[in-house]
N, C-alpha and C. Protein backbone atom coordinates (compact mmCIF):
# COMPACT_ATOMS: atom_id res chain seq x y z
N MET A 1 0.83 -1.18 0.00
CA MET A 1 0.00 0.00 0.00
C MET A 1 0.88 1.25 0.00
N GLU A 2 0.46 2.25 -0.69
CA GLU A 2 1.19 3.51 -0.76
C GLU A 2 0.72 4.48 0.30
N PHE A 3 1.57 5.45 0.61
CA PHE A 3 1.23 6.50 1.56
C PHE A 3 1.01 7.81 0.83
N ASP A 4 0.00 8.53 1.25
CA ASP A 4 -0.30 9.85 0.72
C ASP A 4 0.22 10.87 1.73
N TRP A 5 1.30 11.55 1.39
CA TRP A 5 1.92 12.51 2.31
C TRP A 5 1.62 13.95 1.88
N GLU A 6 0.40 14.20 1.40
CA GLU A 6 0.03 15.55 0.95
C GLU A 6 0.18 16.57 2.07
N LYS A 7 -0.26 16.20 3.26
CA LYS A 7 -0.16 17.09 4.42
C LYS A 7 0.81 16.47 5.41
N GLN A 8 1.57 17.29 6.10
CA GLN A 8 2.53 16.81 7.08
C GLN A 8 1.81 16.56 8.40
N PRO A 9 1.60 15.29 8.79
CA PRO A 9 0.84 14.99 10.00
C PRO A 9 1.67 14.90 11.27
N LEU A 10 2.97 15.04 11.16
CA LEU A 10 3.83 14.88 12.33
C LEU A 10 3.85 16.16 13.15
N GLN A 11 3.96 16.01 14.44
CA GLN A 11 4.02 17.18 15.30
C GLN A 11 5.34 17.92 15.06
N PRO A 12 5.33 19.26 15.11
CA PRO A 12 6.55 20.03 14.83
C PRO A 12 7.72 19.66 15.74
N ASP A 13 7.45 19.34 16.99
CA ASP A 13 8.53 19.04 17.93
C ASP A 13 8.86 17.54 17.96
N CYS A 14 8.30 16.79 17.07
CA CYS A 14 8.46 15.34 17.05
C CYS A 14 9.67 14.96 16.20
N SER A 15 10.45 14.00 16.67
CA SER A 15 11.63 13.57 15.92
C SER A 15 11.32 12.45 14.93
N LEU A 16 10.05 12.06 14.81
CA LEU A 16 9.68 11.02 13.85
C LEU A 16 9.87 11.50 12.43
N LYS A 17 10.25 10.57 11.58
CA LYS A 17 10.36 10.84 10.15
C LYS A 17 9.25 10.06 9.44
N GLN A 18 8.95 10.45 8.21
CA GLN A 18 7.93 9.74 7.44
C GLN A 18 8.28 8.26 7.34
N ARG A 19 9.54 7.94 7.18
CA ARG A 19 9.96 6.54 7.06
C ARG A 19 9.64 5.75 8.32
N ASP A 20 9.76 6.39 9.52
CA ASP A 20 9.41 5.72 10.78
C ASP A 20 7.94 5.31 10.77
N VAL A 21 7.10 6.21 10.30
CA VAL A 21 5.67 5.94 10.24
C VAL A 21 5.39 4.80 9.27
N GLU A 22 5.97 4.86 8.10
CA GLU A 22 5.76 3.81 7.10
C GLU A 22 6.23 2.46 7.62
N GLU A 23 7.38 2.44 8.27
CA GLU A 23 7.92 1.18 8.82
C GLU A 23 7.02 0.63 9.92
N SER A 24 6.36 1.50 10.68
CA SER A 24 5.48 1.02 11.75
C SER A 24 4.29 0.24 11.20
N PHE A 25 3.88 0.53 9.97
CA PHE A 25 2.81 -0.23 9.33
C PHE A 25 3.32 -1.58 8.83
N GLU A 26 4.62 -1.70 8.57
CA GLU A 26 5.22 -2.95 8.12
C GLU A 26 5.57 -3.87 9.27
N ASP A 27 5.52 -3.37 10.48
CA ASP A 27 5.84 -4.15 11.68
C ASP A 27 4.91 -5.37 11.74
N PRO A 28 5.45 -6.59 11.79
CA PRO A 28 4.58 -7.77 11.84
C PRO A 28 3.74 -7.87 13.11
N PHE A 29 4.10 -7.10 14.14
CA PHE A 29 3.34 -7.10 15.39
C PHE A 29 2.48 -5.84 15.54
N SER A 30 2.39 -5.03 14.49
CA SER A 30 1.59 -3.82 14.60
C SER A 30 0.15 -4.16 14.94
N VAL A 31 -0.48 -3.25 15.65
CA VAL A 31 -1.86 -3.44 16.09
C VAL A 31 -2.69 -2.37 15.40
N ARG A 32 -3.67 -2.82 14.62
CA ARG A 32 -4.57 -1.88 13.94
C ARG A 32 -5.92 -1.95 14.61
N ILE A 33 -6.46 -0.79 14.91
CA ILE A 33 -7.68 -0.72 15.71
C ILE A 33 -8.71 0.15 15.01
N LEU A 34 -9.93 -0.34 14.97
CA LEU A 34 -11.07 0.48 14.54
C LEU A 34 -11.67 1.02 15.83
N PRO A 35 -11.58 2.32 16.06
CA PRO A 35 -12.08 2.88 17.32
C PRO A 35 -13.59 2.75 17.43
N ASP A 36 -14.06 2.60 18.68
CA ASP A 36 -15.49 2.48 18.90
C ASP A 36 -16.15 3.82 19.19
N SER A 37 -15.39 4.88 19.18
CA SER A 37 -15.94 6.22 19.40
C SER A 37 -16.67 6.69 18.15
N PRO A 38 -17.88 7.20 18.29
CA PRO A 38 -18.63 7.68 17.12
C PRO A 38 -17.89 8.76 16.33
N ILE A 39 -17.10 9.57 17.01
CA ILE A 39 -16.36 10.64 16.33
C ILE A 39 -15.42 10.06 15.28
N PHE A 40 -14.71 9.01 15.63
CA PHE A 40 -13.75 8.41 14.71
C PHE A 40 -14.42 7.50 13.69
N SER A 41 -15.39 6.72 14.12
CA SER A 41 -16.00 5.75 13.20
C SER A 41 -16.82 6.42 12.10
N GLU A 42 -17.42 7.56 12.37
CA GLU A 42 -18.18 8.27 11.34
C GLU A 42 -17.29 8.75 10.21
N LYS A 43 -16.06 9.07 10.53
CA LYS A 43 -15.13 9.60 9.52
C LYS A 43 -14.15 8.54 9.05
N ALA A 44 -14.41 7.27 9.37
CA ALA A 44 -13.59 6.13 8.93
C ALA A 44 -12.11 6.33 9.21
N ARG A 45 -11.80 6.61 10.45
CA ARG A 45 -10.41 6.75 10.87
C ARG A 45 -10.02 5.55 11.71
N TYR A 46 -8.76 5.17 11.59
CA TYR A 46 -8.24 4.00 12.28
C TYR A 46 -6.97 4.36 13.03
N PHE A 47 -6.59 3.48 13.96
CA PHE A 47 -5.36 3.65 14.73
C PHE A 47 -4.40 2.53 14.36
N ASN A 48 -3.12 2.85 14.34
CA ASN A 48 -2.08 1.84 14.17
C ASN A 48 -1.02 2.07 15.24
N LEU A 49 -0.65 0.99 15.91
CA LEU A 49 0.45 1.02 16.86
C LEU A 49 1.50 0.04 16.35
N GLY A 50 2.65 0.54 15.99
CA GLY A 50 3.72 -0.31 15.47
C GLY A 50 5.06 0.30 15.76
N LYS A 51 6.09 -0.46 15.46
CA LYS A 51 7.45 0.03 15.70
C LYS A 51 8.20 0.15 14.38
N SER A 52 9.07 1.16 14.33
CA SER A 52 9.94 1.34 13.16
C SER A 52 11.05 0.30 13.22
N SER A 53 11.86 0.24 12.17
CA SER A 53 12.96 -0.72 12.15
C SER A 53 14.01 -0.40 13.22
N GLN A 54 14.00 0.83 13.70
CA GLN A 54 14.93 1.24 14.77
C GLN A 54 14.35 0.97 16.16
N GLY A 55 13.10 0.45 16.21
CA GLY A 55 12.48 0.13 17.49
C GLY A 55 11.67 1.25 18.10
N GLN A 56 11.48 2.34 17.37
CA GLN A 56 10.69 3.46 17.88
C GLN A 56 9.20 3.15 17.75
N GLY A 57 8.47 3.24 18.86
CA GLY A 57 7.03 3.04 18.84
C GLY A 57 6.34 4.22 18.20
N VAL A 58 5.41 3.95 17.29
CA VAL A 58 4.71 5.01 16.56
C VAL A 58 3.20 4.78 16.66
N PHE A 59 2.49 5.78 17.17
CA PHE A 59 1.03 5.78 17.21
C PHE A 59 0.55 6.64 16.05
N THR A 60 -0.34 6.07 15.22
CA THR A 60 -0.81 6.77 14.03
C THR A 60 -2.33 6.73 13.92
N VAL A 61 -2.91 7.85 13.56
CA VAL A 61 -4.32 7.92 13.18
C VAL A 61 -4.30 8.08 11.66
N TYR A 62 -5.09 7.25 10.96
CA TYR A 62 -5.03 7.26 9.51
C TYR A 62 -6.38 6.92 8.88
N ARG A 63 -6.45 7.19 7.59
CA ARG A 63 -7.58 6.78 6.75
C ARG A 63 -7.00 5.93 5.63
N ALA A 64 -7.80 5.01 5.12
CA ALA A 64 -7.35 4.16 4.01
C ALA A 64 -8.49 3.94 3.04
N ASN A 65 -8.14 3.90 1.75
CA ASN A 65 -9.16 3.65 0.74
C ASN A 65 -8.91 2.33 0.00
N GLY A 66 -8.01 1.50 0.52
CA GLY A 66 -7.68 0.24 -0.12
C GLY A 66 -6.45 0.33 -1.00
N LYS A 67 -6.09 1.53 -1.42
CA LYS A 67 -4.91 1.73 -2.26
C LYS A 67 -3.87 2.60 -1.56
N GLN A 68 -4.35 3.58 -0.81
CA GLN A 68 -3.45 4.52 -0.14
C GLN A 68 -3.82 4.67 1.32
N ILE A 69 -2.79 4.98 2.10
CA ILE A 69 -2.98 5.33 3.49
C ILE A 69 -2.69 6.81 3.62
N ARG A 70 -3.63 7.54 4.18
CA ARG A 70 -3.41 8.96 4.45
C ARG A 70 -3.25 9.11 5.95
N VAL A 71 -2.06 9.47 6.36
CA VAL A 71 -1.77 9.66 7.78
C VAL A 71 -2.32 11.02 8.19
N ILE A 72 -3.15 10.99 9.22
CA ILE A 72 -3.76 12.21 9.73
C ILE A 72 -2.91 12.77 10.87
N PHE A 73 -2.37 11.86 11.68
CA PHE A 73 -1.60 12.27 12.85
C PHE A 73 -0.66 11.14 13.23
N ALA A 74 0.55 11.48 13.62
CA ALA A 74 1.51 10.46 14.08
C ALA A 74 2.39 11.05 15.17
N ARG A 75 2.71 10.20 16.15
CA ARG A 75 3.60 10.60 17.24
C ARG A 75 4.22 9.35 17.85
N LYS A 76 5.19 9.57 18.74
CA LYS A 76 5.81 8.45 19.45
C LYS A 76 4.82 7.87 20.46
N PHE A 77 5.05 6.60 20.81
CA PHE A 77 4.22 5.94 21.83
C PHE A 77 4.24 6.70 23.15
N GLU A 78 3.11 6.71 23.82
CA GLU A 78 3.01 7.08 25.23
C GLU A 78 3.26 5.80 26.02
N PRO A 79 3.58 5.88 27.31
CA PRO A 79 3.85 4.66 28.10
C PRO A 79 2.72 3.63 28.05
N GLU A 80 1.46 4.08 28.07
CA GLU A 80 0.33 3.15 28.03
C GLU A 80 0.28 2.39 26.70
N GLU A 81 0.64 3.07 25.63
CA GLU A 81 0.63 2.43 24.31
C GLU A 81 1.76 1.41 24.19
N THR A 82 2.90 1.72 24.79
CA THR A 82 4.00 0.76 24.82
C THR A 82 3.55 -0.50 25.54
N PHE A 83 2.90 -0.34 26.69
CA PHE A 83 2.40 -1.48 27.46
C PHE A 83 1.40 -2.30 26.63
N PHE A 84 0.45 -1.63 25.99
CA PHE A 84 -0.56 -2.31 25.18
C PHE A 84 0.09 -3.06 24.02
N TYR A 85 1.01 -2.41 23.31
CA TYR A 85 1.70 -3.04 22.18
C TYR A 85 2.45 -4.28 22.64
N GLU A 86 3.20 -4.16 23.73
CA GLU A 86 3.99 -5.29 24.21
C GLU A 86 3.10 -6.44 24.69
N ARG A 87 1.97 -6.11 25.29
CA ARG A 87 1.02 -7.15 25.72
C ARG A 87 0.46 -7.90 24.52
N GLN A 88 0.11 -7.17 23.46
CA GLN A 88 -0.41 -7.80 22.24
C GLN A 88 0.67 -8.65 21.56
N GLN A 89 1.90 -8.15 21.56
CA GLN A 89 3.01 -8.90 20.98
C GLN A 89 3.23 -10.20 21.74
N ASP A 90 3.18 -10.15 23.07
CA ASP A 90 3.33 -11.36 23.89
C ASP A 90 2.24 -12.38 23.57
N LYS A 91 1.00 -11.90 23.41
CA LYS A 91 -0.11 -12.81 23.07
C LYS A 91 0.16 -13.52 21.75
N LEU A 92 0.59 -12.77 20.74
CA LEU A 92 0.85 -13.37 19.43
C LEU A 92 2.00 -14.37 19.49
N LEU A 93 3.05 -14.03 20.21
CA LEU A 93 4.19 -14.95 20.30
C LEU A 93 3.84 -16.20 21.07
N ASN A 94 3.03 -16.07 22.10
CA ASN A 94 2.65 -17.25 22.89
C ASN A 94 1.67 -18.14 22.14
N GLN A 95 0.83 -17.57 21.30
CA GLN A 95 -0.08 -18.39 20.48
C GLN A 95 0.71 -19.22 19.49
N GLY A 96 1.72 -18.64 18.88
CA GLY A 96 2.52 -19.36 17.89
C GLY A 96 3.32 -20.47 18.50
N GLY A 97 3.72 -20.33 19.76
CA GLY A 97 4.53 -21.35 20.40
C GLY A 97 3.74 -22.53 20.91
N SER A 98 2.42 -22.39 21.04
CA SER A 98 1.61 -23.47 21.62
C SER A 98 0.97 -24.38 20.58
N ILE A 99 1.21 -24.13 19.32
CA ILE A 99 0.60 -24.94 18.26
C ILE A 99 1.33 -26.25 18.07
């Protein structure tokens, strides 16, 4: 899938690069979430929690049309997101080991 970088969604004080965001979507342990909040679901926005190849956690709000991903907002993980990501990663790794 391609990325549409028409608008710069990164925070001005953020050290993330576009490549970090793109790599976070390629993370095999990334977590994609359809929010249950009416505000987000009405506008078809999704969340992605993934890590770049350098190990930087990236939280992204995005839209997708099946061909392109338009990043609306991206920033580094907050501590709670790191915990959630690691918990989901542990679940996936433990499922694979028990087969």
